[in-house]
Amino acid sequence: MAAAAAAGVTVVAFTWLTEHALAHFFKLQNAVWWAPLLWTPVCAGAIVWATRKFAPGAAGSGIPQVIATLESAMPPSQRGLWVSLRLTLAKILLTAWGGLAGLSLGREGPSVQIAAGVMVSVRRWLPKRALVNEHGLLVAGGAAGIAAAFNTPLGGVMFAIEELAGAPEKRNSGLLIAGIVLAGLVSISINGNATYFGVIHVALVSWSTLLPGLLVAVLSGLAGGLFSRTLINSLGGQAVDRFSQLRARRPIVFACMCGLAVAVIGVVTQGLTFGSGYGHTRAMLEGDQYTFSLYVVLKFVATWLTTWSGVPGGIFAPALAIGAALGNDVAHLIDFHQSAILIALGMAGFLAAATQAPLTSFIIVMEMVDGHAMVLSLMACALIASAISRVVSKPLYGTLASSLLIRASQSEPVKNDGVG
């Protein structure tokens, strides 16, 4: 329980660091509009170099690494390469550096690996006959990371059930859940009972929302499935195109190229696609009528390139931003006045489609909604979008974790391939 509280405090500190890093980037971008064209690619290359040299296991979001570490097929000698206290520190610094570079990444996925590293580090101090084993600590730590990152203890519990705990031990499940909830409560006690994007105020949902909501669910399912498939093809190591070959031979050069592309997109959109997408999403939720029609596509591409570059960083927050913009675009296209409803549905739908974790996605968004009128709508949208995504793509995190297991079984050294 003390370790769970420590994991919550660590994620809160990580949140503070990444937010301030991104704020400093925007100060630079506002002062000198062309600065990202130099700063972002240089940082991307330097981050990949530092990751490969000092912490190869910190690449990507960290969720596939935690999932792979939980598998019985994982060689014990490899587990410390993907989840450890040393990697926790490296993940914090490198992800914050990515925010300082303005790359399109989130902090929620890395929070899973960060909190898991804190939790698993206490195993050495537990009694030999303790009910909580290393597997349980990894599950509790990873889920505590989600709970603390989103201020959603219930979302953390559901993430443990959907993504991490293949066969949770009945003897200690209550203790593990208590640890997950405690980490989320620690975050709430420090940050207050607020969510990343604020509270979404919606009017009463009526039958007039049915067709627009169904349209958002289908579109977010297709877009999220395409997003997941694109990441799998890029990160799975099976592609043989020219860019993938360059990525394998010259990873630092490739990261600089991806950083430059992200910078160009950000400059063209006047900074809207830089970072997690928080600012643009917050403006839409507050009723700002301005919307950039190509934001969904450009944010999609910027997030894909950031992930493909191999820098540490997650996709949860960018996925929520893409889904919110998709729902907002549909609302403007059909002149639907209650745009906040479709924004919330788009967030739940795209995140569910990208991760194929519909219950976790629906709960995370549900806790952003003021009132319970949209609970069933959010659940239905997440389930529909996830079902459509399964037709388009394999599960993102499970597939990438399987790639890690294959490489571990072949005794390949861990490389900065940006998995997850």
Protein backbone atom coordinates (compact mmCIF):
# COMPACT_ATOMS: atom_id res chain seq x y z
CA MET A 1 0.00 0.00 0.00
CA ALA A 2 2.90 2.33 0.76
CA ALA A 3 4.37 1.50 -2.65
CA ALA A 4 1.03 2.28 -4.31
CA ALA A 5 0.97 5.67 -2.61
CA ALA A 6 4.57 6.25 -3.73
CA ALA A 7 3.60 5.31 -7.28
CA GLY A 8 0.77 7.85 -7.18
CA VAL A 9 3.09 10.59 -5.94
CA THR A 10 5.66 9.69 -8.63
CA VAL A 11 3.07 9.96 -11.39
CA VAL A 12 1.87 13.31 -10.02
CA ALA A 13 5.45 14.60 -10.09
CA PHE A 14 5.86 13.22 -13.62
CA THR A 15 2.65 15.00 -14.66
CA TRP A 16 3.89 18.30 -13.25
CA LEU A 17 7.24 17.94 -15.03
CA THR A 18 5.77 17.09 -18.45
CA GLU A 19 3.20 19.88 -18.30
CA HIS A 20 5.83 22.48 -17.42
CA ALA A 21 8.14 21.15 -20.13
CA LEU A 22 5.41 21.54 -22.75
CA ALA A 23 4.55 25.00 -21.44
CA HIS A 24 8.18 26.07 -21.96
CA PHE A 25 8.07 24.72 -25.51
CA PHE A 26 4.99 26.82 -26.29
CA LYS A 27 6.75 29.90 -24.90
CA LEU A 28 9.57 29.26 -27.35
CA GLN A 29 7.15 28.64 -30.21
CA ASN A 30 5.19 31.80 -29.47
CA ALA A 31 8.35 33.89 -29.25
CA VAL A 32 10.00 32.54 -32.42
CA TRP A 33 7.55 30.80 -34.75
CA TRP A 34 10.25 29.02 -36.77
CA ALA A 35 12.22 27.75 -33.75
CA PRO A 36 10.49 24.32 -33.72
CA LEU A 37 11.84 23.64 -37.20
CA LEU A 38 15.29 23.42 -35.60
CA TRP A 39 14.53 22.57 -31.99
CA THR A 40 12.09 19.67 -32.47
CA PRO A 41 14.15 17.51 -34.89
CA VAL A 42 17.36 18.06 -32.91
CA CYS A 43 15.62 17.05 -29.69
CA ALA A 44 13.99 14.01 -31.32
CA GLY A 45 17.36 12.74 -32.51
CA ALA A 46 19.01 13.45 -29.16
CA ILE A 47 16.22 11.70 -27.24
CA VAL A 48 16.53 8.58 -29.39
CA TRP A 49 20.32 8.62 -28.98
CA ALA A 50 20.03 8.92 -25.20
CA THR A 51 17.37 6.22 -25.06
CA ARG A 52 19.41 3.76 -27.10
CA LYS A 53 22.56 4.42 -25.10
CA PHE A 54 21.25 4.60 -21.54
CA ALA A 55 17.72 3.12 -21.35
CA PRO A 56 16.66 1.04 -24.39
CA GLY A 57 13.70 -0.40 -22.49
CA ALA A 58 12.19 3.06 -22.05
CA ALA A 59 11.32 3.47 -25.74
CA GLY A 60 7.67 3.83 -26.74
CA SER A 61 4.74 4.12 -24.37
CA GLY A 62 5.75 1.36 -21.96
CA ILE A 63 2.41 -0.48 -21.91
CA PRO A 64 3.57 -3.31 -24.24
CA GLN A 65 6.68 -3.68 -22.07
CA VAL A 66 4.58 -4.14 -18.93
CA ILE A 67 2.23 -6.57 -20.69
CA ALA A 68 5.18 -8.59 -22.01
CA THR A 69 6.80 -8.65 -18.58
CA LEU A 70 3.61 -10.13 -17.13
CA GLU A 71 3.70 -13.09 -19.52
CA SER A 72 5.02 -16.39 -18.19
CA ALA A 73 7.06 -16.79 -21.39
CA MET A 74 9.16 -13.78 -20.49
CA PRO A 75 12.68 -14.88 -19.44
CA PRO A 76 13.32 -13.62 -15.89
CA SER A 77 16.66 -12.20 -17.02
CA GLN A 78 14.86 -9.86 -19.47
CA ARG A 79 12.26 -8.43 -17.09
CA GLY A 80 14.56 -5.86 -15.55
CA LEU A 81 15.24 -4.46 -19.02
CA TRP A 82 11.62 -3.34 -19.39
CA VAL A 83 10.36 -2.60 -15.88
CA SER A 84 12.64 -1.34 -13.12
CA LEU A 85 13.19 1.65 -10.87
CA ARG A 86 16.07 2.76 -13.11
CA LEU A 87 13.79 2.73 -16.15
CA THR A 88 11.20 4.69 -14.18
CA LEU A 89 13.63 7.56 -13.73
CA ALA A 90 14.76 7.39 -17.36
CA LYS A 91 11.15 7.30 -18.58
CA ILE A 92 10.26 10.39 -16.58
CA LEU A 93 13.16 12.44 -17.91
CA LEU A 94 12.99 11.28 -21.53
CA THR A 95 9.21 11.70 -21.85
CA ALA A 96 9.40 15.17 -20.32
CA TRP A 97 12.13 15.97 -22.85
CA GLY A 98 9.77 14.88 -25.60
CA GLY A 99 7.22 17.35 -24.26
CA LEU A 100 9.87 20.05 -24.19
CA ALA A 101 10.50 19.25 -27.87
CA GLY A 102 6.82 19.72 -28.73
CA LEU A 103 6.38 16.17 -30.00
CA SER A 104 2.86 14.76 -30.25
CA LEU A 105 2.86 12.41 -27.28
CA GLY A 106 1.02 11.74 -24.05
CA ARG A 107 2.12 10.95 -20.51
CA GLU A 108 -0.56 8.40 -19.60
CA GLY A 109 1.02 5.37 -21.29
CA PRO A 110 4.47 6.09 -19.81
CA SER A 111 2.79 6.43 -16.41
CA VAL A 112 1.99 2.71 -16.60
CA GLN A 113 5.66 1.72 -16.93
CA ILE A 114 6.72 4.36 -14.39
CA ALA A 115 4.31 3.23 -11.68
CA ALA A 116 5.00 -0.45 -12.39
CA GLY A 117 8.71 0.20 -11.88
CA VAL A 118 8.03 1.83 -8.50
CA MET A 119 5.75 -1.01 -7.37
CA VAL A 120 7.95 -3.90 -8.47
CA SER A 121 11.00 -2.37 -6.79
CA VAL A 122 9.53 -3.09 -3.33
CA ARG A 123 9.35 -6.84 -3.93
CA ARG A 124 12.77 -7.33 -2.31
CA TRP A 125 11.47 -5.95 1.00
CA LEU A 126 8.32 -8.06 1.18
CA PRO A 127 8.34 -11.27 3.25
CA LYS A 128 8.92 -14.46 1.27
CA ARG A 129 5.45 -15.71 2.16
CA ALA A 130 3.72 -12.45 1.20
CA LEU A 131 0.50 -12.92 -0.74
CA VAL A 132 1.52 -10.27 -3.29
CA ASN A 133 4.03 -11.62 -5.81
CA GLU A 134 5.92 -9.89 -8.61
CA HIS A 135 3.07 -10.47 -11.07
CA GLY A 136 0.60 -8.79 -8.73
CA LEU A 137 2.90 -5.84 -8.16
CA LEU A 138 3.27 -5.32 -11.91
CA VAL A 139 -0.50 -5.42 -12.44
CA ALA A 140 -1.17 -3.06 -9.55
CA GLY A 141 1.63 -0.71 -10.59
CA GLY A 142 0.61 -0.48 -14.23
CA ALA A 143 -3.03 0.12 -13.37
CA ALA A 144 -2.08 2.60 -10.64
CA GLY A 145 -0.26 4.59 -13.33
CA ILE A 146 -3.49 4.99 -15.31
CA ALA A 147 -5.48 5.77 -12.17
CA ALA A 148 -3.07 8.50 -11.10
CA ALA A 149 -2.51 9.92 -14.58
CA PHE A 150 -6.21 10.44 -15.30
CA ASN A 151 -7.39 10.93 -11.68
CA THR A 152 -9.68 7.95 -12.33
CA PRO A 153 -9.28 5.11 -9.79
CA LEU A 154 -12.12 3.12 -11.39
CA GLY A 155 -10.48 3.50 -14.80
CA GLY A 156 -7.27 2.07 -13.35
CA VAL A 157 -9.09 -0.97 -12.00
CA MET A 158 -10.74 -1.60 -15.37
CA PHE A 159 -7.40 -1.17 -17.17
CA ALA A 160 -5.95 -3.88 -14.93
CA ILE A 161 -8.80 -6.21 -15.83
CA GLU A 162 -8.84 -5.47 -19.58
CA GLU A 163 -5.17 -5.10 -20.44
CA LEU A 164 -2.91 -6.39 -17.70
CA ALA A 165 -4.40 -9.15 -15.55
CA GLY A 166 -4.79 -12.26 -17.67
CA ALA A 167 -5.37 -14.42 -14.60
CA PRO A 168 -5.43 -12.36 -11.40
CA GLU A 169 -4.82 -14.23 -8.17
CA LYS A 170 -7.98 -14.48 -6.10
CA ARG A 171 -6.10 -14.36 -2.82
CA ASN A 172 -4.69 -10.90 -3.30
CA SER A 173 -7.05 -9.28 -5.82
CA GLY A 174 -8.67 -7.18 -3.12
CA LEU A 175 -5.31 -5.86 -1.95
CA LEU A 176 -4.21 -5.09 -5.50
CA ILE A 177 -7.42 -3.22 -6.26
CA ALA A 178 -7.02 -1.28 -3.01
CA GLY A 179 -3.52 -0.30 -4.12
CA ILE A 180 -4.76 0.88 -7.52
CA VAL A 181 -7.52 2.96 -5.95
CA LEU A 182 -5.10 4.39 -3.39
CA ALA A 183 -2.75 5.61 -6.14
CA GLY A 184 -5.66 7.35 -7.84
CA LEU A 185 -6.81 8.90 -4.56
CA VAL A 186 -3.30 10.18 -3.88
CA SER A 187 -3.38 11.92 -7.26
CA ILE A 188 -6.80 13.40 -6.55
CA SER A 189 -5.72 14.62 -3.11
CA ILE A 190 -2.79 16.51 -4.67
CA ASN A 191 -4.32 17.72 -7.94
CA GLY A 192 -7.90 18.05 -6.76
CA ASN A 193 -10.91 16.23 -8.16
CA ALA A 194 -10.31 17.38 -11.73
CA THR A 195 -9.62 15.62 -15.00
CA TYR A 196 -7.04 16.25 -17.70
CA PHE A 197 -9.47 17.96 -20.08
CA GLY A 198 -11.76 19.40 -17.41
CA VAL A 199 -15.40 18.49 -16.89
CA ILE A 200 -17.58 18.06 -19.97
CA HIS A 201 -20.99 19.61 -19.36
CA VAL A 202 -23.70 18.08 -21.52
CA ALA A 203 -27.44 18.55 -21.79
CA LEU A 204 -29.88 15.67 -21.47
CA VAL A 205 -29.24 13.07 -24.16
CA SER A 206 -32.31 12.46 -26.32
CA TRP A 207 -33.25 10.28 -29.28
CA SER A 208 -32.06 13.05 -31.59
CA THR A 209 -28.53 12.07 -30.61
CA LEU A 210 -28.89 8.47 -31.84
CA LEU A 211 -27.93 8.88 -35.51
CA PRO A 212 -25.16 11.50 -34.95
CA GLY A 213 -23.77 9.35 -32.13
CA LEU A 214 -23.83 6.24 -34.30
CA LEU A 215 -22.02 8.14 -37.05
CA VAL A 216 -19.32 9.20 -34.59
CA ALA A 217 -18.99 5.62 -33.30
CA VAL A 218 -18.51 4.21 -36.81
CA LEU A 219 -16.07 6.91 -37.91
CA SER A 220 -14.03 6.72 -34.71
CA GLY A 221 -13.95 2.94 -34.98
CA LEU A 222 -12.61 3.09 -38.53
CA ALA A 223 -10.13 5.88 -37.75
CA GLY A 224 -8.96 4.28 -34.53
CA GLY A 225 -8.56 0.90 -36.20
CA LEU A 226 -6.51 2.50 -38.96
CA PHE A 227 -4.42 4.27 -36.33
CA SER A 228 -3.75 1.00 -34.50
CA ARG A 229 -2.91 -0.86 -37.71
CA THR A 230 -0.55 1.90 -38.82
CA LEU A 231 1.35 1.76 -35.54
CA ILE A 232 1.56 -2.04 -35.63
CA ASN A 233 2.89 -2.03 -39.19
CA SER A 234 5.41 0.69 -38.35
CA LEU A 235 6.64 -0.72 -35.03
CA GLY A 236 6.24 -4.46 -35.50
CA GLY A 237 9.48 -4.85 -37.40
CA GLN A 238 7.86 -6.59 -40.38
CA ALA A 239 7.78 -3.66 -42.81
CA VAL A 240 10.44 -3.63 -45.56
CA ASP A 241 9.80 -0.21 -47.08
CA ARG A 242 12.58 2.33 -47.54
CA PHE A 243 11.72 4.33 -44.45
CA SER A 244 11.63 1.25 -42.22
CA GLN A 245 15.03 0.22 -43.56
CA LEU A 246 16.36 3.70 -42.83
CA ARG A 247 14.87 3.49 -39.33
CA ALA A 248 16.72 0.22 -38.73
CA ARG A 249 20.05 1.42 -40.14
CA ARG A 250 20.10 5.06 -39.02
CA PRO A 251 17.63 5.41 -36.13
CA ILE A 252 18.89 8.81 -35.00
CA VAL A 253 18.72 10.30 -38.50
CA PHE A 254 15.26 8.82 -38.91
CA ALA A 255 14.14 10.34 -35.59
CA CYS A 256 15.39 13.76 -36.74
CA MET A 257 13.40 13.39 -39.97
CA CYS A 258 10.25 12.49 -38.01
CA GLY A 259 10.85 15.43 -35.67
CA LEU A 260 11.18 17.78 -38.62
CA ALA A 261 7.92 16.51 -40.12
CA VAL A 262 6.15 16.97 -36.78
CA ALA A 263 7.58 20.50 -36.56
CA VAL A 264 6.40 21.39 -40.08
CA ILE A 265 2.89 20.15 -39.30
CA GLY A 266 2.90 22.10 -36.04
CA VAL A 267 4.06 25.33 -37.68
CA VAL A 268 1.48 25.00 -40.47
CA THR A 269 -1.30 24.51 -37.89
CA GLN A 270 -0.01 27.42 -35.77
CA GLY A 271 0.97 25.08 -32.94
CA LEU A 272 -2.31 23.14 -32.66
CA THR A 273 -0.73 19.72 -33.24
CA PHE A 274 2.21 20.18 -30.88
CA GLY A 275 2.12 18.29 -27.60
CA SER A 276 -0.73 16.14 -26.33
CA GLY A 277 -3.50 18.19 -27.99
CA TYR A 278 -4.78 19.47 -24.67
CA GLY A 279 -5.16 23.09 -25.75
CA HIS A 280 -7.20 22.42 -28.87
CA THR A 281 -9.44 19.92 -27.08
CA ARG A 282 -10.00 22.26 -24.15
CA ALA A 283 -10.98 25.07 -26.55
CA MET A 284 -13.57 22.84 -28.23
CA LEU A 285 -15.02 21.75 -24.90
CA GLU A 286 -15.31 25.38 -23.78
CA GLY A 287 -17.40 26.18 -26.83
CA ASP A 288 -14.79 27.78 -29.07
CA GLN A 289 -16.39 27.77 -32.53
CA TYR A 290 -13.05 27.81 -34.32
CA THR A 291 -12.07 24.40 -35.65
CA PHE A 292 -9.33 23.42 -38.05
CA SER A 293 -10.92 21.05 -40.58
CA LEU A 294 -7.76 18.98 -41.18
CA TYR A 295 -6.81 18.76 -37.51
CA VAL A 296 -7.90 15.10 -37.21
CA VAL A 297 -5.69 14.02 -40.11
CA LEU A 298 -2.70 16.14 -39.16
CA LYS A 299 -2.82 15.20 -35.46
CA PHE A 300 -3.13 11.56 -36.54
CA VAL A 301 0.00 11.88 -38.69
CA ALA A 302 1.96 13.87 -36.09
CA THR A 303 1.23 11.28 -33.39
CA TRP A 304 2.13 8.40 -35.70
CA LEU A 305 5.44 10.03 -36.68
CA THR A 306 6.27 10.79 -33.05
CA THR A 307 5.65 7.18 -32.06
CA TRP A 308 7.47 5.82 -35.11
CA SER A 309 10.53 7.94 -34.32
CA GLY A 310 11.19 5.80 -31.22
CA VAL A 311 11.02 8.47 -28.53
CA PRO A 312 9.43 7.53 -25.18
CA GLY A 313 5.83 8.71 -25.09
CA GLY A 314 2.25 7.49 -25.15
CA ILE A 315 -0.82 7.83 -27.34
CA PHE A 316 -3.68 8.11 -24.83
CA ALA A 317 -3.92 11.92 -24.70
CA PRO A 318 -3.35 12.42 -28.47
CA ALA A 319 -5.98 9.73 -29.13
CA LEU A 320 -8.47 11.61 -26.95
CA ALA A 321 -7.63 14.82 -28.81
CA ILE A 322 -8.13 13.17 -32.21
CA GLY A 323 -11.44 11.65 -31.11
CA ALA A 324 -12.65 14.95 -29.68
CA ALA A 325 -11.86 16.75 -32.93
CA LEU A 326 -13.60 14.03 -34.94
CA GLY A 327 -16.76 14.41 -32.85
CA ASN A 328 -16.57 18.19 -33.16
CA ASP A 329 -16.19 17.93 -36.95
CA VAL A 330 -19.27 15.73 -37.19
CA ALA A 331 -21.24 18.20 -35.05
CA HIS A 332 -20.30 21.08 -37.37
CA LEU A 333 -20.90 19.01 -40.50
CA ILE A 334 -24.48 18.12 -39.59
CA ASP A 335 -25.11 21.36 -37.64
CA PHE A 336 -25.63 19.50 -34.36
CA HIS A 337 -25.85 22.14 -31.63
CA GLN A 338 -24.90 19.96 -28.65
CA SER A 339 -21.35 19.45 -29.86
CA ALA A 340 -20.06 18.51 -26.38
CA ILE A 341 -22.02 15.25 -26.61
CA LEU A 342 -20.37 14.22 -29.86
CA ILE A 343 -16.97 15.38 -28.60
CA ALA A 344 -17.30 13.07 -25.58
CA LEU A 345 -18.47 10.19 -27.79
CA GLY A 346 -15.58 10.77 -30.18
CA MET A 347 -13.08 10.69 -27.33
CA ALA A 348 -14.43 7.41 -25.98
CA GLY A 349 -14.83 5.89 -29.44
CA PHE A 350 -11.40 6.70 -30.88
CA LEU A 351 -9.54 5.73 -27.69
CA ALA A 352 -11.48 2.46 -27.52
CA ALA A 353 -10.74 1.74 -31.18
CA ALA A 354 -7.05 2.59 -30.90
CA THR A 355 -6.45 0.54 -27.74
CA GLN A 356 -9.29 -2.01 -28.12
CA ALA A 357 -9.97 -1.53 -24.41
CA PRO A 358 -13.57 -0.24 -24.61
CA LEU A 359 -14.46 -0.43 -20.91
CA THR A 360 -11.34 1.42 -19.81
CA SER A 361 -11.90 4.07 -22.48
CA PHE A 362 -15.55 4.56 -21.64
CA ILE A 363 -14.85 4.86 -17.90
CA ILE A 364 -12.04 7.39 -18.40
CA VAL A 365 -14.29 9.64 -20.49
CA MET A 366 -17.31 8.98 -18.27
CA GLU A 367 -15.53 10.55 -15.32
CA MET A 368 -15.09 13.71 -17.39
CA VAL A 369 -18.83 14.08 -17.96
CA ASP A 370 -20.96 16.14 -15.62
CA GLY A 371 -23.83 13.78 -14.82
CA HIS A 372 -24.78 10.23 -15.70
CA ALA A 373 -26.99 10.93 -18.69
CA MET A 374 -24.28 9.81 -21.14
CA VAL A 375 -23.12 6.63 -19.39
CA LEU A 376 -24.97 4.23 -21.69
CA SER A 377 -24.19 6.33 -24.76
CA LEU A 378 -20.47 6.35 -23.99
CA MET A 379 -20.44 2.62 -23.32
CA ALA A 380 -22.30 1.84 -26.55
CA CYS A 381 -20.03 4.10 -28.59
CA ALA A 382 -16.87 2.55 -27.11
CA LEU A 383 -18.12 -1.00 -27.71
CA ILE A 384 -19.18 -0.28 -31.30
CA ALA A 385 -15.94 1.51 -32.14
CA SER A 386 -13.84 -1.25 -30.58
CA ALA A 387 -15.76 -3.93 -32.49
CA ILE A 388 -15.18 -2.10 -35.79
CA SER A 389 -11.51 -1.65 -34.92
CA ARG A 390 -11.08 -5.40 -34.41
CA VAL A 391 -12.09 -5.93 -38.03
CA VAL A 392 -9.50 -3.41 -39.20
CA SER A 393 -6.58 -4.16 -36.88
CA LYS A 394 -5.15 -6.57 -34.36
CA PRO A 395 -5.02 -5.39 -30.72
CA LEU A 396 -2.30 -2.74 -30.54
CA TYR A 397 -0.67 -3.40 -27.18
CA GLY A 398 -1.05 -7.18 -27.25
CA THR A 399 0.49 -7.43 -30.71
CA LEU A 400 3.44 -5.21 -29.80
CA ALA A 401 3.95 -7.14 -26.56
CA SER A 402 4.05 -10.37 -28.58
CA SER A 403 6.80 -8.88 -30.75
CA LEU A 404 8.79 -8.13 -27.62
CA LEU A 405 8.34 -11.70 -26.38
CA ILE A 406 9.54 -13.12 -29.69
CA ARG A 407 12.67 -11.01 -29.55
CA ALA A 408 13.27 -11.95 -25.93
CA SER A 409 12.94 -15.67 -26.76
CA GLN A 410 15.48 -15.23 -29.52
CA SER A 411 17.80 -13.57 -26.99
CA GLU A 412 18.01 -10.42 -29.09
CA PRO A 413 19.34 -7.35 -27.30
CA VAL A 414 16.67 -4.77 -26.51
CA LYS A 415 16.82 -1.99 -29.08
CA ASN A 416 15.16 1.38 -29.25
CA ASP A 417 12.52 0.32 -31.76
CA GLY A 418 9.86 2.52 -30.20
CA VAL A 419 7.49 -0.38 -29.48
CA GLY A 420 4.23 0.95 -28.09
